[in-house]
Amino acid sequence: MFDVYRNDKRDFLVLSTGAAIPVACSRNKWRKSRKRVLKVSDEIKSAVQAQGYYLRSLRVASERMIEVE
């Protein structure tokens, strides 16, 4: 199982259940998702196994917003 966290900057952090937040990511204030995650994609699973965490930014770039409008 996996723990999912997010912060105010719309970043997304996935850890193994019970793992501590890595030092590289600890400067942000993370909020844990209330739902349990049983299954994740192969990309996320392999990153968690290799690094101990998976981090992705969900922010929309201002360039993309201009193209959409």
PDB file of N, CA and C in Angstrom:
ATOM      1  N   MET A   1       0.838  -1.178   0.000  1.00  0.00           N
ATOM      2  CA  MET A   1       0.000   0.000   0.000  1.00  0.00           C
ATOM      3  C   MET A   1       0.883   1.242   0.000  1.00  0.00           C
ATOM      4  N   PHE A   2       0.280   2.359  -0.330  1.00  0.00           N
ATOM      5  CA  PHE A   2       1.021   3.602  -0.484  1.00  0.00           C
ATOM      6  C   PHE A   2       0.310   4.736   0.238  1.00  0.00           C
ATOM      7  N   ASP A   3       1.093   5.700   0.723  1.00  0.00           N
ATOM      8  CA  ASP A   3       0.568   6.929   1.305  1.00  0.00           C
ATOM      9  C   ASP A   3       0.746   8.034   0.270  1.00  0.00           C
ATOM     10  N   VAL A   4      -0.283   8.844   0.097  1.00  0.00           N
ATOM     11  CA  VAL A   4      -0.252   9.924  -0.881  1.00  0.00           C
ATOM     12  C   VAL A   4      -0.352  11.253  -0.143  1.00  0.00           C
ATOM     13  N   TYR A   5       0.540  12.181  -0.485  1.00  0.00           N
ATOM     14  CA  TYR A   5       0.572  13.509   0.117  1.00  0.00           C
ATOM     15  C   TYR A   5       0.485  14.555  -0.976  1.00  0.00           C
ATOM     16  N   ARG A   6      -0.030  15.739  -0.624  1.00  0.00           N
ATOM     17  CA  ARG A   6      -0.010  16.875  -1.542  1.00  0.00           C
ATOM     18  C   ARG A   6       0.259  18.133  -0.733  1.00  0.00           C
ATOM     19  N   ASN A   7       0.683  19.192  -1.431  1.00  0.00           N
ATOM     20  CA  ASN A   7       0.945  20.454  -0.738  1.00  0.00           C
ATOM     21  C   ASN A   7       0.208  21.587  -1.437  1.00  0.00           C
ATOM     22  N   ASP A   8       0.392  22.810  -0.938  1.00  0.00           N
ATOM     23  CA  ASP A   8      -0.326  23.965  -1.483  1.00  0.00           C
ATOM     24  C   ASP A   8       0.111  24.317  -2.894  1.00  0.00           C
ATOM     25  N   LYS A   9       1.292  23.881  -3.294  1.00  0.00           N
ATOM     26  CA  LYS A   9       1.796  24.181  -4.637  1.00  0.00           C
ATOM     27  C   LYS A   9       1.368  23.124  -5.649  1.00  0.00           C
ATOM     28  N   ARG A  10       0.456  22.267  -5.259  1.00  0.00           N
ATOM     29  CA  ARG A  10      -0.077  21.204  -6.101  1.00  0.00           C
ATOM     30  C   ARG A  10       0.982  20.178  -6.487  1.00  0.00           C
ATOM     31  N   ASP A  11       1.911  19.919  -5.575  1.00  0.00           N
ATOM     32  CA  ASP A  11       2.874  18.856  -5.777  1.00  0.00           C
ATOM     33  C   ASP A  11       2.299  17.572  -5.188  1.00  0.00           C
ATOM     34  N   PHE A  12       2.735  16.456  -5.707  1.00  0.00           N
ATOM     35  CA  PHE A  12       2.173  15.160  -5.410  1.00  0.00           C
ATOM     36  C   PHE A  12       3.316  14.255  -4.959  1.00  0.00           C
ATOM     37  N   LEU A  13       3.213  13.666  -3.758  1.00  0.00           N
ATOM     38  CA  LEU A  13       4.265  12.815  -3.205  1.00  0.00           C
ATOM     39  C   LEU A  13       3.665  11.471  -2.828  1.00  0.00           C
ATOM     40  N   VAL A  14       4.294  10.379  -3.298  1.00  0.00           N
ATOM     41  CA  VAL A  14       3.843   9.028  -2.982  1.00  0.00           C
ATOM     42  C   VAL A  14       4.962   8.312  -2.246  1.00  0.00           C
ATOM     43  N   LEU A  15       4.625   7.705  -1.103  1.00  0.00           N
ATOM     44  CA  LEU A  15       5.583   6.946  -0.292  1.00  0.00           C
ATOM     45  C   LEU A  15       5.006   5.578   0.027  1.00  0.00           C
ATOM     46  N   SER A  16       5.876   4.650   0.391  1.00  0.00           N
ATOM     47  CA  SER A  16       5.397   3.372   0.908  1.00  0.00           C
ATOM     48  C   SER A  16       4.691   3.635   2.236  1.00  0.00           C
ATOM     49  N   THR A  17       3.749   2.795   2.574  1.00  0.00           N
ATOM     50  CA  THR A  17       3.003   2.972   3.815  1.00  0.00           C
ATOM     51  C   THR A  17       3.946   2.978   5.009  1.00  0.00           C
ATOM     52  N   GLY A  18       3.838   4.007   5.830  1.00  0.00           N
ATOM     53  CA  GLY A  18       4.637   4.115   7.043  1.00  0.00           C
ATOM     54  C   GLY A  18       5.997   4.746   6.860  1.00  0.00           C
ATOM     55  N   ALA A  19       6.402   5.061   5.627  1.00  0.00           N
ATOM     56  CA  ALA A  19       7.713   5.670   5.386  1.00  0.00           C
ATOM     57  C   ALA A  19       7.675   7.155   5.761  1.00  0.00           C
ATOM     58  N   ALA A  20       8.829   7.666   6.198  1.00  0.00           N
ATOM     59  CA  ALA A  20       8.932   9.085   6.554  1.00  0.00           C
ATOM     60  C   ALA A  20       9.138   9.926   5.300  1.00  0.00           C
ATOM     61  N   ILE A  21       8.723  11.184   5.363  1.00  0.00           N
ATOM     62  CA  ILE A  21       8.912  12.100   4.237  1.00  0.00           C
ATOM     63  C   ILE A  21      10.404  12.373   4.076  1.00  0.00           C
ATOM     64  N   PRO A  22      10.945  12.231   2.854  1.00  0.00           N
ATOM     65  CA  PRO A  22      12.381  12.433   2.636  1.00  0.00           C
ATOM     66  C   PRO A  22      12.823  13.855   2.960  1.00  0.00           C
ATOM     67  N   VAL A  23      14.092  14.001   3.323  1.00  0.00           N
ATOM     68  CA  VAL A  23      14.639  15.305   3.682  1.00  0.00           C
ATOM     69  C   VAL A  23      14.529  16.286   2.517  1.00  0.00           C
ATOM     70  N   ALA A  24      14.723  15.805   1.285  1.00  0.00           N
ATOM     71  CA  ALA A  24      14.662  16.672   0.109  1.00  0.00           C
ATOM     72  C   ALA A  24      13.276  17.286  -0.066  1.00  0.00           C
ATOM     73  N   CYS A  25      12.252  16.622   0.434  1.00  0.00           N
ATOM     74  CA  CYS A  25      10.876  17.099   0.284  1.00  0.00           C
ATOM     75  C   CYS A  25      10.319  17.698   1.566  1.00  0.00           C
ATOM     76  N   SER A  26      11.075  17.705   2.650  1.00  0.00           N
ATOM     77  CA  SER A  26      10.531  18.085   3.949  1.00  0.00           C
ATOM     78  C   SER A  26      10.325  19.583   4.130  1.00  0.00           C
ATOM     79  N   ARG A  27      10.877  20.423   3.250  1.00  0.00           N
ATOM     80  CA  ARG A  27      10.710  21.860   3.445  1.00  0.00           C
ATOM     81  C   ARG A  27       9.290  22.335   3.122  1.00  0.00           C
ATOM     82  N   ASN A  28       8.542  21.555   2.373  1.00  0.00           N
ATOM     83  CA  ASN A  28       7.150  21.897   2.072  1.00  0.00           C
ATOM     84  C   ASN A  28       6.221  21.303   3.121  1.00  0.00           C
ATOM     85  N   LYS A  29       5.062  21.902   3.271  1.00  0.00           N
ATOM     86  CA  LYS A  29       4.067  21.389   4.204  1.00  0.00           C
ATOM     87  C   LYS A  29       3.176  20.407   3.451  1.00  0.00           C
ATOM     88  N   TRP A  30       3.273  19.143   3.791  1.00  0.00           N
ATOM     89  CA  TRP A  30       2.542  18.088   3.103  1.00  0.00           C
ATOM     90  C   TRP A  30       1.300  17.700   3.889  1.00  0.00           C
ATOM     91  N   ARG A  31       0.211  17.443   3.162  1.00  0.00           N
ATOM     92  CA  ARG A  31      -1.019  16.948   3.771  1.00  0.00           C
ATOM     93  C   ARG A  31      -1.314  15.563   3.217  1.00  0.00           C
ATOM     94  N   LYS A  32      -1.585  14.648   4.108  1.00  0.00           N
ATOM     95  CA  LYS A  32      -1.827  13.269   3.712  1.00  0.00           C
ATOM     96  C   LYS A  32      -3.252  13.104   3.209  1.00  0.00           C
ATOM     97  N   SER A  33      -3.399  12.357   2.135  1.00  0.00           N
ATOM     98  CA  SER A  33      -4.716  12.028   1.614  1.00  0.00           C
ATOM     99  C   SER A  33      -5.412  11.090   2.586  1.00  0.00           C
ATOM    100  N   ARG A  34      -6.675  11.230   2.744  1.00  0.00           N
ATOM    101  CA  ARG A  34      -7.410  10.386   3.695  1.00  0.00           C
ATOM    102  C   ARG A  34      -7.711   9.008   3.126  1.00  0.00           C
ATOM    103  N   LYS A  35      -7.694   8.895   1.814  1.00  0.00           N
ATOM    104  CA  LYS A  35      -8.004   7.618   1.185  1.00  0.00           C
ATOM    105  C   LYS A  35      -6.772   6.730   1.129  1.00  0.00           C
ATOM    106  N   ARG A  36      -6.993   5.442   1.281  1.00  0.00           N
ATOM    107  CA  ARG A  36      -5.902   4.477   1.125  1.00  0.00           C
ATOM    108  C   ARG A  36      -5.721   4.180  -0.350  1.00  0.00           C
ATOM    109  N   VAL A  37      -4.492   4.056  -0.764  1.00  0.00           N
ATOM    110  CA  VAL A  37      -4.190   3.746  -2.153  1.00  0.00           C
ATOM    111  C   VAL A  37      -3.610   2.342  -2.195  1.00  0.00           C
ATOM    112  N   LEU A  38      -4.305   1.466  -2.879  1.00  0.00           N
ATOM    113  CA  LEU A  38      -3.870   0.078  -2.952  1.00  0.00           C
ATOM    114  C   LEU A  38      -3.058  -0.197  -4.212  1.00  0.00           C
ATOM    115  N   LYS A  39      -3.352   0.529  -5.291  1.00  0.00           N
ATOM    116  CA  LYS A  39      -2.725   0.238  -6.561  1.00  0.00           C
ATOM    117  C   LYS A  39      -2.280   1.542  -7.217  1.00  0.00           C
ATOM    118  N   VAL A  40      -1.055   1.564  -7.728  1.00  0.00           N
ATOM    119  CA  VAL A  40      -0.529   2.719  -8.449  1.00  0.00           C
ATOM    120  C   VAL A  40       0.048   2.240  -9.771  1.00  0.00           C
ATOM    121  N   SER A  41       0.392   3.179 -10.635  1.00  0.00           N
ATOM    122  CA  SER A  41       0.943   2.815 -11.936  1.00  0.00           C
ATOM    123  C   SER A  41       2.323   2.173 -11.772  1.00  0.00           C
ATOM    124  N   ASP A  42       2.769   1.496 -12.806  1.00  0.00           N
ATOM    125  CA  ASP A  42       4.086   0.847 -12.774  1.00  0.00           C
ATOM    126  C   ASP A  42       5.205   1.870 -12.639  1.00  0.00           C
ATOM    127  N   GLU A  43       5.029   3.048 -13.244  1.00  0.00           N
ATOM    128  CA  GLU A  43       6.034   4.116 -13.149  1.00  0.00           C
ATOM    129  C   GLU A  43       6.219   4.557 -11.694  1.00  0.00           C
ATOM    130  N   ILE A  44       5.114   4.776 -11.003  1.00  0.00           N
ATOM    131  CA  ILE A  44       5.174   5.217  -9.607  1.00  0.00           C
ATOM    132  C   ILE A  44       5.738   4.105  -8.726  1.00  0.00           C
ATOM    133  N   LYS A  45       5.286   2.882  -8.949  1.00  0.00           N
ATOM    134  CA  LYS A  45       5.753   1.751  -8.145  1.00  0.00           C
ATOM    135  C   LYS A  45       7.260   1.554  -8.284  1.00  0.00           C
ATOM    136  N   SER A  46       7.786   1.651  -9.494  1.00  0.00           N
ATOM    137  CA  SER A  46       9.225   1.458  -9.690  1.00  0.00           C
ATOM    138  C   SER A  46      10.034   2.610  -9.090  1.00  0.00           C
ATOM    139  N   ALA A  47       9.506   3.840  -9.151  1.00  0.00           N
ATOM    140  CA  ALA A  47      10.197   4.981  -8.545  1.00  0.00           C
ATOM    141  C   ALA A  47      10.231   4.860  -7.027  1.00  0.00           C
ATOM    142  N   VAL A  48       9.148   4.405  -6.420  1.00  0.00           N
ATOM    143  CA  VAL A  48       9.100   4.232  -4.966  1.00  0.00           C
ATOM    144  C   VAL A  48      10.066   3.131  -4.536  1.00  0.00           C
ATOM    145  N   GLN A  49      10.162   2.078  -5.325  1.00  0.00           N
ATOM    146  CA  GLN A  49      11.096   1.005  -4.988  1.00  0.00           C
ATOM    147  C   GLN A  49      12.542   1.455  -5.130  1.00  0.00           C
ATOM    148  N   ALA A  50      12.841   2.263  -6.153  1.00  0.00           N
ATOM    149  CA  ALA A  50      14.223   2.684  -6.404  1.00  0.00           C
ATOM    150  C   ALA A  50      14.661   3.822  -5.482  1.00  0.00           C
ATOM    151  N   GLN A  51      13.815   4.865  -5.340  1.00  0.00           N
ATOM    152  CA  GLN A  51      14.182   6.064  -4.584  1.00  0.00           C
ATOM    153  C   GLN A  51      13.602   6.106  -3.185  1.00  0.00           C
ATOM    154  N   GLY A  52      12.509   5.406  -2.985  1.00  0.00           N
ATOM    155  CA  GLY A  52      11.814   5.467  -1.704  1.00  0.00           C
ATOM    156  C   GLY A  52      10.635   6.432  -1.750  1.00  0.00           C
ATOM    157  N   TYR A  53      10.520   7.189  -2.838  1.00  0.00           N
ATOM    158  CA  TYR A  53       9.404   8.117  -3.002  1.00  0.00           C
ATOM    159  C   TYR A  53       9.222   8.440  -4.478  1.00  0.00           C
ATOM    160  N   TYR A  54       8.045   9.012  -4.811  1.00  0.00           N
ATOM    161  CA  TYR A  54       7.748   9.510  -6.148  1.00  0.00           C
ATOM    162  C   TYR A  54       7.212  10.919  -5.978  1.00  0.00           C
ATOM    163  N   LEU A  55       7.772  11.872  -6.691  1.00  0.00           N
ATOM    164  CA  LEU A  55       7.371  13.272  -6.568  1.00  0.00           C
ATOM    165  C   LEU A  55       7.048  13.816  -7.943  1.00  0.00           C
ATOM    166  N   ARG A  56       5.883  14.482  -8.052  1.00  0.00           N
ATOM    167  CA  ARG A  56       5.486  15.085  -9.319  1.00  0.00           C
ATOM    168  C   ARG A  56       4.775  16.399  -9.045  1.00  0.00           C
ATOM    169  N   SER A  57       5.025  17.358  -9.901  1.00  0.00           N
ATOM    170  CA  SER A  57       4.366  18.649  -9.797  1.00  0.00           C
ATOM    171  C   SER A  57       3.129  18.636 -10.670  1.00  0.00           C
ATOM    172  N   LEU A  58       1.991  19.036 -10.121  1.00  0.00           N
ATOM    173  CA  LEU A  58       0.738  19.070 -10.872  1.00  0.00           C
ATOM    174  C   LEU A  58       0.366  20.493 -11.294  1.00  0.00           C
ATOM    175  N   ARG A  59       1.308  21.420 -11.126  1.00  0.00           N
ATOM    176  CA  ARG A  59       1.033  22.809 -11.476  1.00  0.00           C
ATOM    177  C   ARG A  59       0.879  22.972 -12.977  1.00  0.00           C
ATOM    178  N   VAL A  60      -0.028  23.838 -13.379  1.00  0.00           N
ATOM    179  CA  VAL A  60      -0.229  24.145 -14.789  1.00  0.00           C
ATOM    180  C   VAL A  60       0.673  25.315 -15.125  1.00  0.00           C
ATOM    181  N   ALA A  61       1.504  25.138 -16.128  1.00  0.00           N
ATOM    182  CA  ALA A  61       2.414  26.206 -16.529  1.00  0.00           C
ATOM    183  C   ALA A  61       1.615  27.347 -17.151  1.00  0.00           C
ATOM    184  N   SER A  62       2.061  28.570 -16.942  1.00  0.00           N
ATOM    185  CA  SER A  62       1.351  29.733 -17.485  1.00  0.00           C
ATOM    186  C   SER A  62       1.341  29.699 -18.997  1.00  0.00           C
ATOM    187  N   GLU A  63       2.354  29.091 -19.621  1.00  0.00           N
ATOM    188  CA  GLU A  63       2.383  28.983 -21.074  1.00  0.00           C
ATOM    189  C   GLU A  63       1.232  28.135 -21.575  1.00  0.00           C
ATOM    190  N   ARG A  64       0.949  27.029 -20.893  1.00  0.00           N
ATOM    191  CA  ARG A  64      -0.155  26.167 -21.296  1.00  0.00           C
ATOM    192  C   ARG A  64      -1.488  26.872 -21.144  1.00  0.00           C
ATOM    193  N   MET A  65      -1.649  27.671 -20.103  1.00  0.00           N
ATOM    194  CA  MET A  65      -2.904  28.389 -19.888  1.00  0.00           C
ATOM    195  C   MET A  65      -3.132  29.392 -21.011  1.00  0.00           C
ATOM    196  N   ILE A  66      -2.102  30.022 -21.489  1.00  0.00           N
ATOM    197  CA  ILE A  66      -2.238  30.985 -22.582  1.00  0.00           C
ATOM    198  C   ILE A  66      -2.653  30.278 -23.865  1.00  0.00           C
ATOM    199  N   GLU A  67      -2.069  29.093 -24.138  1.00  0.00           N
ATOM    200  CA  GLU A  67      -2.407  28.341 -25.347  1.00  0.00           C
ATOM    201  C   GLU A  67      -3.857  27.873 -25.327  1.00  0.00           C
ATOM    202  N   VAL A  68      -4.364  27.496 -24.174  1.00  0.00           N
ATOM    203  CA  VAL A  68      -5.729  26.997 -24.056  1.00  0.00           C
ATOM    204  C   VAL A  68      -6.739  28.102 -24.298  1.00  0.00           C
ATOM    205  N   GLU A  69      -6.459  29.294 -23.821  1.00  0.00           N
ATOM    206  CA  GLU A  69      -7.402  30.394 -23.946  1.00  0.00           C
ATOM    207  C   GLU A  69      -7.500  30.880 -25.337  1.00  0.00           C
TER     208      GLU A  69
END
